[in-house]
């Protein structure tokens, strides 16, 4: 079922002051985060305590826990949507899950492969050793979980609710800036890396604006992180979450390899992601999925001329 921006607008009754306060988008951001609390608690318990530190990312219990946390996150968000916004949670509906996640995963995987091949062709990337194939299985699940949590927070909650106030384009800029700033906590992060992450965030926001569902942006995010780190052993925004299939030796200019931050700092990777983001936003504009700021915007239920 196609989803339009109007499908994602709260249907709650604003007849009293308390409801008007609750329905203000910035308040709903906080409330929605609270509904994700059980997912965060389970995530921290499972990966921080119940599974031994040295195997917490590379274990079959960890894989099952990742699936469970994704399911719990969807349940929590649907509960928020039903109780607070009084509408179905179209943005996480199961319809379109596979047919949108798979192309996104494939697209970003190709982008990573193209970038790695370009780096390898000039001798800046070579295979040093490999790890067992089971590494791929564990990486598949954990990178899927981490990408899903980030997309729910940054796209489904922050982007969607901010654009109700400032419009789609300004919301994309705000979310990109936040996304880039969050990555500054990593060891090899710099101001330039934050800018690189911020501008590349356009591909993820563009995917959400186009479909108005989480699946395409999740697939893009998941595929990039999994293939970059889990397969080719490149740092994921300067973080190495778990052993990769390939253990590489990397040498070369930072503008090409991304240095210790990873290929999100590579000129090739940045260019591919930004261009794809532009294309996605053009398609979203053609579908009229881009909202203006709230002050000149007509209520979707209001008829022309009324």
C-alpha atoms as a PDB file:
ATOM      1  CA  UNK A   1       0.000   0.000   0.000  1.00  0.00           C
ATOM      2  CA  UNK A   2       1.472   3.394  -1.010  1.00  0.00           C
ATOM      3  CA  UNK A   3       1.950   5.774   1.913  1.00  0.00           C
ATOM      4  CA  UNK A   4       1.627   9.543   1.567  1.00  0.00           C
ATOM      5  CA  UNK A   5       2.784  12.243   4.002  1.00  0.00           C
ATOM      6  CA  UNK A   6      -0.860  12.810   4.990  1.00  0.00           C
ATOM      7  CA  UNK A   7      -1.099   9.190   6.196  1.00  0.00           C
ATOM      8  CA  UNK A   8       1.549   9.981   8.829  1.00  0.00           C
ATOM      9  CA  UNK A   9      -0.116  13.027  10.368  1.00  0.00           C
ATOM     10  CA  UNK A  10      -1.517  12.576  13.860  1.00  0.00           C
ATOM     11  CA  UNK A  11      -5.272  11.994  14.068  1.00  0.00           C
ATOM     12  CA  UNK A  12      -5.524  12.701  17.777  1.00  0.00           C
ATOM     13  CA  UNK A  13      -8.190  15.060  19.073  1.00  0.00           C
ATOM     14  CA  UNK A  14      -6.744  18.507  19.867  1.00  0.00           C
ATOM     15  CA  UNK A  15      -9.877  19.833  21.531  1.00  0.00           C
ATOM     16  CA  UNK A  16      -8.263  20.492  24.917  1.00  0.00           C
ATOM     17  CA  UNK A  17      -5.072  22.193  26.055  1.00  0.00           C
ATOM     18  CA  UNK A  18      -3.388  19.017  27.305  1.00  0.00           C
ATOM     19  CA  UNK A  19      -3.861  17.308  23.938  1.00  0.00           C
ATOM     20  CA  UNK A  20      -2.580  20.353  22.066  1.00  0.00           C
ATOM     21  CA  UNK A  21       0.585  20.285  24.191  1.00  0.00           C
ATOM     22  CA  UNK A  22       0.992  16.530  23.742  1.00  0.00           C
ATOM     23  CA  UNK A  23       0.531  16.774  19.975  1.00  0.00           C
ATOM     24  CA  UNK A  24       3.176  19.461  19.497  1.00  0.00           C
ATOM     25  CA  UNK A  25       5.828  17.709  17.363  1.00  0.00           C
ATOM     26  CA  UNK A  26       8.765  18.405  19.681  1.00  0.00           C
ATOM     27  CA  UNK A  27       6.817  16.921  22.592  1.00  0.00           C
ATOM     28  CA  UNK A  28       5.897  13.892  20.499  1.00  0.00           C
ATOM     29  CA  UNK A  29       9.585  13.321  19.722  1.00  0.00           C
ATOM     30  CA  UNK A  30      10.239  12.902  23.446  1.00  0.00           C
ATOM     31  CA  UNK A  31       7.152  10.744  23.961  1.00  0.00           C
ATOM     32  CA  UNK A  32       8.039   8.481  21.024  1.00  0.00           C
ATOM     33  CA  UNK A  33      11.535   7.987  22.438  1.00  0.00           C
ATOM     34  CA  UNK A  34       9.985   6.900  25.729  1.00  0.00           C
ATOM     35  CA  UNK A  35       8.019   4.202  23.921  1.00  0.00           C
ATOM     36  CA  UNK A  36      11.328   2.871  22.559  1.00  0.00           C
ATOM     37  CA  UNK A  37      12.599   2.520  26.132  1.00  0.00           C
ATOM     38  CA  UNK A  38      11.925  -1.247  26.398  1.00  0.00           C
ATOM     39  CA  UNK A  39      13.994  -1.864  23.259  1.00  0.00           C
ATOM     40  CA  UNK A  40      16.914   0.147  24.617  1.00  0.00           C
ATOM     41  CA  UNK A  41      16.726  -1.621  27.984  1.00  0.00           C
ATOM     42  CA  UNK A  42      16.667  -5.096  26.422  1.00  0.00           C
ATOM     43  CA  UNK A  43      19.488  -4.119  24.051  1.00  0.00           C
ATOM     44  CA  UNK A  44      21.685  -2.984  26.932  1.00  0.00           C
ATOM     45  CA  UNK A  45      20.847  -6.013  29.076  1.00  0.00           C
ATOM     46  CA  UNK A  46      21.504  -8.534  26.335  1.00  0.00           C
ATOM     47  CA  UNK A  47      24.566  -7.036  24.710  1.00  0.00           C
ATOM     48  CA  UNK A  48      26.009  -5.406  27.804  1.00  0.00           C
ATOM     49  CA  UNK A  49      25.441  -7.991  30.551  1.00  0.00           C
ATOM     50  CA  UNK A  50      23.751 -11.267  29.692  1.00  0.00           C
ATOM     51  CA  UNK A  51      26.202 -12.145  26.919  1.00  0.00           C
ATOM     52  CA  UNK A  52      29.883 -12.185  27.823  1.00  0.00           C
ATOM     53  CA  UNK A  53      31.713  -9.108  26.600  1.00  0.00           C
ATOM     54  CA  UNK A  54      34.174 -10.961  24.389  1.00  0.00           C
ATOM     55  CA  UNK A  55      31.432 -12.745  22.441  1.00  0.00           C
ATOM     56  CA  UNK A  56      28.481 -10.388  22.765  1.00  0.00           C
ATOM     57  CA  UNK A  57      28.439  -9.483  19.053  1.00  0.00           C
ATOM     58  CA  UNK A  58      29.544 -12.845  17.667  1.00  0.00           C
ATOM     59  CA  UNK A  59      27.182 -15.402  19.164  1.00  0.00           C
ATOM     60  CA  UNK A  60      24.002 -17.168  18.160  1.00  0.00           C
ATOM     61  CA  UNK A  61      22.204 -15.800  21.248  1.00  0.00           C
ATOM     62  CA  UNK A  62      23.279 -12.360  20.060  1.00  0.00           C
ATOM     63  CA  UNK A  63      21.747 -13.011  16.630  1.00  0.00           C
ATOM     64  CA  UNK A  64      18.435 -14.083  18.178  1.00  0.00           C
ATOM     65  CA  UNK A  65      18.527 -11.098  20.519  1.00  0.00           C
ATOM     66  CA  UNK A  66      18.996  -8.773  17.526  1.00  0.00           C
ATOM     67  CA  UNK A  67      15.838 -10.147  15.877  1.00  0.00           C
ATOM     68  CA  UNK A  68      13.937  -9.818  19.151  1.00  0.00           C
ATOM     69  CA  UNK A  69      15.000  -6.195  19.689  1.00  0.00           C
ATOM     70  CA  UNK A  70      13.941  -5.234  16.151  1.00  0.00           C
ATOM     71  CA  UNK A  71      10.534  -6.803  16.788  1.00  0.00           C
ATOM     72  CA  UNK A  72      10.243  -5.087  20.163  1.00  0.00           C
ATOM     73  CA  UNK A  73      11.123  -1.746  18.567  1.00  0.00           C
ATOM     74  CA  UNK A  74       8.388  -2.135  15.962  1.00  0.00           C
ATOM     75  CA  UNK A  75       5.894  -3.097  18.668  1.00  0.00           C
ATOM     76  CA  UNK A  76       6.841  -0.091  20.823  1.00  0.00           C
ATOM     77  CA  UNK A  77       6.524   2.328  17.924  1.00  0.00           C
ATOM     78  CA  UNK A  78       3.178   0.884  16.843  1.00  0.00           C
ATOM     79  CA  UNK A  79       1.937   1.257  20.408  1.00  0.00           C
ATOM     80  CA  UNK A  80       3.050   4.905  20.405  1.00  0.00           C
ATOM     81  CA  UNK A  81       1.314   5.541  17.090  1.00  0.00           C
ATOM     82  CA  UNK A  82      -1.929   3.980  18.269  1.00  0.00           C
ATOM     83  CA  UNK A  83      -2.067   5.584  21.718  1.00  0.00           C
ATOM     84  CA  UNK A  84      -0.583   9.023  21.000  1.00  0.00           C
ATOM     85  CA  UNK A  85      -1.224   9.806  17.329  1.00  0.00           C
ATOM     86  CA  UNK A  86      -4.362   7.662  17.074  1.00  0.00           C
ATOM     87  CA  UNK A  87      -3.466   6.202  13.694  1.00  0.00           C
ATOM     88  CA  UNK A  88      -1.969   3.049  12.166  1.00  0.00           C
ATOM     89  CA  UNK A  89       1.829   3.066  12.056  1.00  0.00           C
ATOM     90  CA  UNK A  90       2.036   2.995   8.255  1.00  0.00           C
ATOM     91  CA  UNK A  91       5.764   3.767   8.353  1.00  0.00           C
ATOM     92  CA  UNK A  92       6.558   0.374   9.910  1.00  0.00           C
ATOM     93  CA  UNK A  93       3.778  -1.682   8.303  1.00  0.00           C
ATOM     94  CA  UNK A  94       4.894  -5.111   7.124  1.00  0.00           C
ATOM     95  CA  UNK A  95       3.691  -4.432   3.580  1.00  0.00           C
ATOM     96  CA  UNK A  96       6.731  -3.590   1.475  1.00  0.00           C
ATOM     97  CA  UNK A  97       9.247  -4.777   4.047  1.00  0.00           C
ATOM     98  CA  UNK A  98      11.139  -7.176   1.778  1.00  0.00           C
ATOM     99  CA  UNK A  99      10.543  -5.449  -1.566  1.00  0.00           C
ATOM    100  CA  UNK A 100      11.890  -2.140  -0.199  1.00  0.00           C
ATOM    101  CA  UNK A 101      14.596  -3.362   2.189  1.00  0.00           C
ATOM    102  CA  UNK A 102      16.259  -5.646  -0.381  1.00  0.00           C
ATOM    103  CA  UNK A 103      16.790  -2.982  -3.102  1.00  0.00           C
ATOM    104  CA  UNK A 104      18.143  -0.562  -0.503  1.00  0.00           C
ATOM    105  CA  UNK A 105      20.530  -3.200   0.843  1.00  0.00           C
ATOM    106  CA  UNK A 106      21.645  -4.058  -2.707  1.00  0.00           C
ATOM    107  CA  UNK A 107      22.165  -0.426  -3.723  1.00  0.00           C
ATOM    108  CA  UNK A 108      24.424   0.456  -0.813  1.00  0.00           C
ATOM    109  CA  UNK A 109      26.282  -2.865  -1.142  1.00  0.00           C
ATOM    110  CA  UNK A 110      27.115  -1.993  -4.747  1.00  0.00           C
ATOM    111  CA  UNK A 111      28.281   1.459  -3.658  1.00  0.00           C
ATOM    112  CA  UNK A 112      30.653  -0.078  -1.108  1.00  0.00           C
ATOM    113  CA  UNK A 113      31.978  -2.648  -3.596  1.00  0.00           C
ATOM    114  CA  UNK A 114      32.617   0.040  -6.221  1.00  0.00           C
ATOM    115  CA  UNK A 115      34.452   2.173  -3.660  1.00  0.00           C
ATOM    116  CA  UNK A 116      36.579  -0.726  -2.400  1.00  0.00           C
ATOM    117  CA  UNK A 117      37.438  -1.805  -5.949  1.00  0.00           C
ATOM    118  CA  UNK A 118      38.572   1.711  -6.806  1.00  0.00           C
ATOM    119  CA  UNK A 119      40.776   1.800  -3.704  1.00  0.00           C
ATOM    120  CA  UNK A 120      42.144  -1.684  -4.450  1.00  0.00           C
ATOM    121  CA  UNK A 121      42.941  -0.873  -8.103  1.00  0.00           C
ATOM    122  CA  UNK A 122      45.498   1.734  -7.046  1.00  0.00           C
ATOM    123  CA  UNK A 123      46.992  -0.636  -4.462  1.00  0.00           C
ATOM    124  CA  UNK A 124      45.608   0.990  -1.327  1.00  0.00           C
ATOM    125  CA  UNK A 125      43.545  -2.043  -0.247  1.00  0.00           C
ATOM    126  CA  UNK A 126      44.685  -5.636  -0.109  1.00  0.00           C
ATOM    127  CA  UNK A 127      43.566  -8.781   1.694  1.00  0.00           C
ATOM    128  CA  UNK A 128      45.808  -9.687   4.618  1.00  0.00           C
ATOM    129  CA  UNK A 129      43.793 -12.624   6.042  1.00  0.00           C
ATOM    130  CA  UNK A 130      40.231 -13.865   6.503  1.00  0.00           C
ATOM    131  CA  UNK A 131      37.954 -14.929   9.336  1.00  0.00           C
ATOM    132  CA  UNK A 132      35.432 -17.820   9.432  1.00  0.00           C
ATOM    133  CA  UNK A 133      32.316 -17.470   7.282  1.00  0.00           C
ATOM    134  CA  UNK A 134      30.152 -17.467  10.437  1.00  0.00           C
ATOM    135  CA  UNK A 135      31.427 -13.933  10.959  1.00  0.00           C
ATOM    136  CA  UNK A 136      29.188 -12.858   8.093  1.00  0.00           C
ATOM    137  CA  UNK A 137      26.106 -14.329   9.756  1.00  0.00           C
ATOM    138  CA  UNK A 138      26.720 -12.529  13.033  1.00  0.00           C
ATOM    139  CA  UNK A 139      27.523  -9.297  11.221  1.00  0.00           C
ATOM    140  CA  UNK A 140      24.362  -9.543   9.145  1.00  0.00           C
ATOM    141  CA  UNK A 141      22.176  -9.565  12.255  1.00  0.00           C
ATOM    142  CA  UNK A 142      23.986  -7.038  14.406  1.00  0.00           C
ATOM    143  CA  UNK A 143      24.413  -4.473  11.639  1.00  0.00           C
ATOM    144  CA  UNK A 144      20.760  -4.940  10.778  1.00  0.00           C
ATOM    145  CA  UNK A 145      19.762  -4.216  14.362  1.00  0.00           C
ATOM    146  CA  UNK A 146      21.968  -1.140  14.764  1.00  0.00           C
ATOM    147  CA  UNK A 147      20.820   0.325  11.439  1.00  0.00           C
ATOM    148  CA  UNK A 148      17.164  -0.293  12.300  1.00  0.00           C
ATOM    149  CA  UNK A 149      17.396   1.482  15.655  1.00  0.00           C
ATOM    150  CA  UNK A 150      19.082   4.478  14.031  1.00  0.00           C
ATOM    151  CA  UNK A 151      16.533   4.688  11.219  1.00  0.00           C
ATOM    152  CA  UNK A 152      13.592   4.545  13.604  1.00  0.00           C
ATOM    153  CA  UNK A 153      15.097   7.361  15.664  1.00  0.00           C
ATOM    154  CA  UNK A 154      16.460   9.607  12.901  1.00  0.00           C
ATOM    155  CA  UNK A 155      13.958   9.056  10.111  1.00  0.00           C
ATOM    156  CA  UNK A 156      10.665   7.798  11.548  1.00  0.00           C
ATOM    157  CA  UNK A 157      10.729   9.996  14.643  1.00  0.00           C
ATOM    158  CA  UNK A 158      13.045  12.998  14.191  1.00  0.00           C
ATOM    159  CA  UNK A 159      12.682  13.658  10.461  1.00  0.00           C
ATOM    160  CA  UNK A 160       8.956  12.961  10.295  1.00  0.00           C
ATOM    161  CA  UNK A 161       8.056  15.114  13.281  1.00  0.00           C
ATOM    162  CA  UNK A 162      10.468  17.967  12.552  1.00  0.00           C
ATOM    163  CA  UNK A 163       9.104  18.339   9.032  1.00  0.00           C
ATOM    164  CA  UNK A 164       5.646  18.940  10.498  1.00  0.00           C
ATOM    165  CA  UNK A 165       7.086  22.227  11.807  1.00  0.00           C
ATOM    166  CA  UNK A 166       9.807  23.371   9.416  1.00  0.00           C
ATOM    167  CA  UNK A 167       9.036  21.379   6.281  1.00  0.00           C
ATOM    168  CA  UNK A 168      10.884  18.509   4.633  1.00  0.00           C
ATOM    169  CA  UNK A 169      13.988  20.295   3.370  1.00  0.00           C
ATOM    170  CA  UNK A 170      14.765  22.087   6.619  1.00  0.00           C
ATOM    171  CA  UNK A 171      14.077  18.865   8.560  1.00  0.00           C
ATOM    172  CA  UNK A 172      16.543  16.990   6.338  1.00  0.00           C
ATOM    173  CA  UNK A 173      19.203  19.615   7.072  1.00  0.00           C
ATOM    174  CA  UNK A 174      18.501  19.448  10.815  1.00  0.00           C
ATOM    175  CA  UNK A 175      18.561  15.659  10.961  1.00  0.00           C
ATOM    176  CA  UNK A 176      21.715  15.513   8.828  1.00  0.00           C
ATOM    177  CA  UNK A 177      23.451  17.944  11.174  1.00  0.00           C
ATOM    178  CA  UNK A 178      22.386  15.904  14.218  1.00  0.00           C
ATOM    179  CA  UNK A 179      23.456  12.657  12.543  1.00  0.00           C
ATOM    180  CA  UNK A 180      26.869  14.117  11.723  1.00  0.00           C
ATOM    181  CA  UNK A 181      27.289  15.552  15.225  1.00  0.00           C
ATOM    182  CA  UNK A 182      26.436  12.221  16.861  1.00  0.00           C
ATOM    183  CA  UNK A 183      29.307  10.597  14.945  1.00  0.00           C
ATOM    184  CA  UNK A 184      31.778  13.072  16.473  1.00  0.00           C
ATOM    185  CA  UNK A 185      31.981  10.847  19.562  1.00  0.00           C
ATOM    186  CA  UNK A 186      34.018   8.293  17.597  1.00  0.00           C
ATOM    187  CA  UNK A 187      37.787   8.176  17.979  1.00  0.00           C
ATOM    188  CA  UNK A 188      38.901   9.237  14.494  1.00  0.00           C
ATOM    189  CA  UNK A 189      36.060  11.689  13.926  1.00  0.00           C
ATOM    190  CA  UNK A 190      36.776  15.253  12.866  1.00  0.00           C
ATOM    191  CA  UNK A 191      34.743  18.238  11.804  1.00  0.00           C
ATOM    192  CA  UNK A 192      35.252  17.171   8.181  1.00  0.00           C
ATOM    193  CA  UNK A 193      34.007  13.646   8.889  1.00  0.00           C
ATOM    194  CA  UNK A 194      30.911  15.083  10.584  1.00  0.00           C
ATOM    195  CA  UNK A 195      30.189  17.167   7.490  1.00  0.00           C
ATOM    196  CA  UNK A 196      30.723  14.115   5.271  1.00  0.00           C
ATOM    197  CA  UNK A 197      28.270  12.074   7.339  1.00  0.00           C
ATOM    198  CA  UNK A 198      25.762  14.940   7.363  1.00  0.00           C
ATOM    199  CA  UNK A 199      25.680  15.396   3.592  1.00  0.00           C
ATOM    200  CA  UNK A 200      25.514  11.644   2.956  1.00  0.00           C
ATOM    201  CA  UNK A 201      22.531  11.437   5.271  1.00  0.00           C
ATOM    202  CA  UNK A 202      20.561  12.758   2.294  1.00  0.00           C
ATOM    203  CA  UNK A 203      20.383   9.246   0.828  1.00  0.00           C
ATOM    204  CA  UNK A 204      18.697   7.916   3.984  1.00  0.00           C
ATOM    205  CA  UNK A 205      16.317  10.827   4.415  1.00  0.00           C
ATOM    206  CA  UNK A 206      15.548  10.773   0.690  1.00  0.00           C
ATOM    207  CA  UNK A 207      14.631   7.092   0.910  1.00  0.00           C
ATOM    208  CA  UNK A 208      12.206   7.770   3.757  1.00  0.00           C
ATOM    209  CA  UNK A 209      10.627  10.827   2.138  1.00  0.00           C
ATOM    210  CA  UNK A 210      10.124   8.881  -1.103  1.00  0.00           C
ATOM    211  CA  UNK A 211       8.437   5.844   0.457  1.00  0.00           C
ATOM    212  CA  UNK A 212       7.235   7.268   3.792  1.00  0.00           C
ATOM    213  CA  UNK A 213       8.226   3.927   5.300  1.00  0.00           C
ATOM    214  CA  UNK A 214      11.371   2.830   7.121  1.00  0.00           C
ATOM    215  CA  UNK A 215      12.277  -0.149   4.949  1.00  0.00           C
ATOM    216  CA  UNK A 216      14.186   1.440   2.062  1.00  0.00           C
ATOM    217  CA  UNK A 217      16.303   3.670   4.312  1.00  0.00           C
ATOM    218  CA  UNK A 218      16.927   0.721   6.638  1.00  0.00           C
ATOM    219  CA  UNK A 219      18.105  -1.438   3.749  1.00  0.00           C
ATOM    220  CA  UNK A 220      20.498   1.265   2.533  1.00  0.00           C
ATOM    221  CA  UNK A 221      21.912   1.839   6.017  1.00  0.00           C
ATOM    222  CA  UNK A 222      22.147  -1.887   6.783  1.00  0.00           C
ATOM    223  CA  UNK A 223      23.808  -2.851   3.499  1.00  0.00           C
ATOM    224  CA  UNK A 224      26.401  -0.080   3.704  1.00  0.00           C
ATOM    225  CA  UNK A 225      27.508  -0.890   7.261  1.00  0.00           C
ATOM    226  CA  UNK A 226      27.437  -4.664   6.801  1.00  0.00           C
ATOM    227  CA  UNK A 227      29.402  -4.789   3.549  1.00  0.00           C
ATOM    228  CA  UNK A 228      31.800  -2.006   4.562  1.00  0.00           C
ATOM    229  CA  UNK A 229      32.683  -3.400   7.984  1.00  0.00           C
ATOM    230  CA  UNK A 230      31.353  -6.957   8.162  1.00  0.00           C
ATOM    231  CA  UNK A 231      32.676  -8.047   4.758  1.00  0.00           C
ATOM    232  CA  UNK A 232      35.581  -5.791   3.778  1.00  0.00           C
ATOM    233  CA  UNK A 233      36.849  -4.850   7.238  1.00  0.00           C
ATOM    234  CA  UNK A 234      36.763  -1.086   6.712  1.00  0.00           C
ATOM    235  CA  UNK A 235      36.118   1.021   9.823  1.00  0.00           C
ATOM    236  CA  UNK A 236      32.465   1.933  10.274  1.00  0.00           C
ATOM    237  CA  UNK A 237      32.698   5.649  11.117  1.00  0.00           C
ATOM    238  CA  UNK A 238      36.003   4.790  12.867  1.00  0.00           C
ATOM    239  CA  UNK A 239      34.335   1.983  14.861  1.00  0.00           C
ATOM    240  CA  UNK A 240      34.980  -1.730  14.392  1.00  0.00           C
ATOM    241  CA  UNK A 241      31.990  -3.511  15.920  1.00  0.00           C
ATOM    242  CA  UNK A 242      33.001  -7.130  15.311  1.00  0.00           C
ATOM    243  CA  UNK A 243      35.465  -9.245  13.316  1.00  0.00           C
ATOM    244  CA  UNK A 244      35.037  -8.927   9.551  1.00  0.00           C
ATOM    245  CA  UNK A 245      35.241 -11.657   6.926  1.00  0.00           C
ATOM    246  CA  UNK A 246      38.257  -9.959   5.329  1.00  0.00           C
ATOM    247  CA  UNK A 247      41.109  -8.516   7.372  1.00  0.00           C
ATOM    248  CA  UNK A 248      42.644  -5.890   5.074  1.00  0.00           C
ATOM    249  CA  UNK A 249      45.774  -3.810   4.883  1.00  0.00           C
ATOM    250  CA  UNK A 250      44.895  -0.235   3.931  1.00  0.00           C
ATOM    251  CA  UNK A 251      47.291   2.500   2.862  1.00  0.00           C
ATOM    252  CA  UNK A 252      46.751   5.600   0.814  1.00  0.00           C
ATOM    253  CA  UNK A 253      45.442   9.162   0.916  1.00  0.00           C
ATOM    254  CA  UNK A 254      42.579   9.841   3.297  1.00  0.00           C
ATOM    255  CA  UNK A 255      40.496  11.495   0.583  1.00  0.00           C
ATOM    256  CA  UNK A 256      40.421   8.124  -1.198  1.00  0.00           C
ATOM    257  CA  UNK A 257      40.406   5.515   1.591  1.00  0.00           C
ATOM    258  CA  UNK A 258      38.732   7.540   4.325  1.00  0.00           C
ATOM    259  CA  UNK A 259      41.649   6.787   6.655  1.00  0.00           C
ATOM    260  CA  UNK A 260      40.782   5.559  10.122  1.00  0.00           C
ATOM    261  CA  UNK A 261      37.217   6.819   9.782  1.00  0.00           C
ATOM    262  CA  UNK A 262      36.291   4.536   6.894  1.00  0.00           C
ATOM    263  CA  UNK A 263      34.937   5.052   3.402  1.00  0.00           C
ATOM    264  CA  UNK A 264      32.244   7.442   4.609  1.00  0.00           C
ATOM    265  CA  UNK A 265      35.164   9.887   4.352  1.00  0.00           C
ATOM    266  CA  UNK A 266      36.207   8.638   0.909  1.00  0.00           C
ATOM    267  CA  UNK A 267      35.441  11.061  -1.911  1.00  0.00           C
ATOM    268  CA  UNK A 268      34.080   8.141  -3.934  1.00  0.00           C
ATOM    269  CA  UNK A 269      31.712   6.956  -1.220  1.00  0.00           C
ATOM    270  CA  UNK A 270      30.526  10.481  -0.414  1.00  0.00           C
ATOM    271  CA  UNK A 271      29.861  11.253  -4.082  1.00  0.00           C
ATOM    272  CA  UNK A 272      27.873   8.058  -4.708  1.00  0.00           C
ATOM    273  CA  UNK A 273      25.696   8.562  -1.637  1.00  0.00           C
ATOM    274  CA  UNK A 274      24.991  12.234  -2.298  1.00  0.00           C
ATOM    275  CA  UNK A 275      24.099  11.618  -5.944  1.00  0.00           C
ATOM    276  CA  UNK A 276      21.756   8.792  -4.941  1.00  0.00           C
ATOM    277  CA  UNK A 277      20.187  11.072  -2.334  1.00  0.00           C
ATOM    278  CA  UNK A 278      19.553  13.748  -4.957  1.00  0.00           C
ATOM    279  CA  UNK A 279      17.855  11.194  -7.220  1.00  0.00           C
ATOM    280  CA  UNK A 280      15.672   9.910  -4.379  1.00  0.00           C
ATOM    281  CA  UNK A 281      14.601  13.435  -3.453  1.00  0.00           C
ATOM    282  CA  UNK A 282      13.779  14.218  -7.085  1.00  0.00           C
ATOM    283  CA  UNK A 283      11.531  11.138  -7.162  1.00  0.00           C
ATOM    284  CA  UNK A 284       9.975  12.204  -3.857  1.00  0.00           C
ATOM    285  CA  UNK A 285       9.239  15.658  -5.265  1.00  0.00           C
ATOM    286  CA  UNK A 286       7.619  14.077  -8.320  1.00  0.00           C
ATOM    287  CA  UNK A 287       5.334  12.143  -5.939  1.00  0.00           C
ATOM    288  CA  UNK A 288       4.605  15.354  -4.021  1.00  0.00           C
ATOM    289  CA  UNK A 289       5.972  13.843  -0.839  1.00  0.00           C
ATOM    290  CA  UNK A 290       7.882  16.993   0.128  1.00  0.00           C
ATOM    291  CA  UNK A 291       6.163  19.202   2.715  1.00  0.00           C
ATOM    292  CA  UNK A 292       6.582  22.928   3.216  1.00  0.00           C
ATOM    293  CA  UNK A 293       6.799  24.530   6.681  1.00  0.00           C
ATOM    294  CA  UNK A 294       3.587  24.479   8.678  1.00  0.00           C
ATOM    295  CA  UNK A 295       2.754  28.189   8.550  1.00  0.00           C
ATOM    296  CA  UNK A 296       1.694  28.451   4.869  1.00  0.00           C
ATOM    297  CA  UNK A 297       0.611  24.814   4.621  1.00  0.00           C
ATOM    298  CA  UNK A 298      -3.047  23.995   4.155  1.00  0.00           C
ATOM    299  CA  UNK A 299      -4.398  21.271   6.445  1.00  0.00           C
ATOM    300  CA  UNK A 300      -4.659  18.059   4.389  1.00  0.00           C
ATOM    301  CA  UNK A 301      -8.348  17.737   5.235  1.00  0.00           C
ATOM    302  CA  UNK A 302      -9.120  21.272   4.090  1.00  0.00           C
ATOM    303  CA  UNK A 303     -10.726  21.514   0.653  1.00  0.00           C
ATOM    304  CA  UNK A 304      -9.407  23.922  -1.973  1.00  0.00           C
ATOM    305  CA  UNK A 305     -11.110  27.267  -1.733  1.00  0.00           C
ATOM    306  CA  UNK A 306     -12.420  26.720   1.789  1.00  0.00           C
END
